[in-house]
Protein backbone atom coordinates (compact mmCIF):
# COMPACT_ATOMS: atom_id res chain seq x y z
CA MET A 1 0.00 0.00 0.00
CA SER A 2 1.08 3.56 -0.48
CA ASN A 3 2.33 5.72 2.36
CA THR A 4 -0.79 7.90 2.20
CA VAL A 5 -3.10 4.92 2.63
CA ASN A 6 -0.96 3.61 5.51
CA ALA A 7 -1.11 7.01 7.19
CA ILE A 8 -4.90 7.04 6.91
CA PHE A 9 -5.12 3.55 8.41
CA TYR A 10 -2.78 4.55 11.27
CA LEU A 11 -4.90 7.63 12.01
CA ALA A 12 -8.11 5.59 11.93
CA ALA A 13 -6.63 2.91 14.19
CA GLY A 14 -5.32 5.52 16.61
CA GLY A 15 -8.71 7.22 16.71
CA MET A 16 -10.42 3.91 17.38
CA VAL A 17 -8.07 3.11 20.24
CA ILE A 18 -8.36 6.59 21.80
CA SER A 19 -12.15 6.78 21.55
CA GLY A 20 -12.45 3.18 22.74
CA LEU A 21 -10.31 3.87 25.77
CA LEU A 22 -12.41 6.95 26.55
CA SER A 23 -15.56 4.82 26.37
CA ILE A 24 -14.05 2.16 28.63
CA ILE A 25 -12.52 4.50 31.20
CA SER A 26 -15.21 7.16 31.34
CA PRO A 27 -18.39 6.30 29.44
CA GLU A 28 -20.14 9.28 31.06
CA THR A 29 -17.66 11.66 29.41
CA ALA A 30 -18.04 9.87 26.08
CA TRP A 31 -21.82 10.24 26.40
CA ARG A 32 -21.52 13.95 27.20
CA LEU A 33 -19.31 14.50 24.16
CA SER A 34 -21.54 12.55 21.78
CA GLU A 35 -25.09 13.00 23.11
CA GLY A 36 -25.18 14.95 26.37
CA TRP A 37 -24.62 18.37 24.85
CA ARG A 38 -28.05 18.09 23.19
CA TYR A 39 -30.04 17.73 26.42
CA LYS A 40 -30.42 19.54 29.73
CA ASN A 41 -30.67 17.69 33.06
CA LEU A 42 -30.43 14.23 31.53
CA GLU A 43 -28.12 11.38 32.51
CA PRO A 44 -27.25 8.26 30.51
CA SER A 45 -28.84 4.98 31.57
CA GLU A 46 -26.83 2.14 33.07
CA GLU A 47 -27.55 0.06 29.97
CA TYR A 48 -26.10 2.79 27.76
CA LEU A 49 -22.97 2.99 29.91
CA ARG A 50 -22.52 -0.80 29.77
CA ALA A 51 -23.03 -0.84 26.00
CA SER A 52 -20.57 2.05 25.67
CA ARG A 53 -17.91 0.09 27.57
CA ILE A 54 -18.48 -2.98 25.40
CA GLY A 55 -18.32 -0.89 22.24
CA GLY A 56 -15.16 0.78 23.52
CA LEU A 57 -13.55 -2.60 24.09
CA ILE A 58 -14.46 -3.69 20.56
CA GLY A 59 -13.01 -0.43 19.21
CA VAL A 60 -9.74 -0.90 21.08
CA ILE A 61 -9.42 -4.48 19.87
CA ALA A 62 -10.15 -3.47 16.28
CA GLY A 63 -7.66 -0.59 16.46
CA VAL A 64 -4.93 -2.84 17.85
CA LEU A 65 -5.63 -5.44 15.14
CA ILE A 66 -5.28 -2.75 12.48
CA PHE A 67 -1.94 -1.67 14.00
CA VAL A 68 -0.75 -5.30 14.00
CA TRP A 69 -1.91 -5.74 10.41
CA LEU A 70 -0.06 -2.62 9.30
CA GLN A 71 3.10 -3.69 11.11
CA SER A 72 3.13 -7.19 9.69
CA GLU A 73 5.44 -7.88 6.81
CA SER A 74 2.78 -9.51 4.69
CA GLN A 75 -0.26 -7.40 3.89
CA SER A 76 -2.55 -10.41 3.69
CA TRP A 77 -5.37 -11.00 6.15
CA PRO A 78 -5.48 -12.69 8.63
CA VAL A 79 -2.22 -11.62 10.20
CA PHE A 80 -1.86 -14.68 12.40
CA PRO A 81 -1.09 -17.98 10.67
């Protein structure tokens, strides 16, 4: 792949890891950034916070897999034999 495409994949993977970590560590903050600014005096439900943590974990795993894929010598998928 070209360097430009690799750079885009690295940025996307980094964004997935960062936003996933935010959702895992502080789902309330992630909710405020994505939805909370639209409403006054409203809190996210416990189900939303749990789903946010699960989604954050999936995002971190996907971001790490993209990093591993980009770092591997062969550009074929799957990375692991």
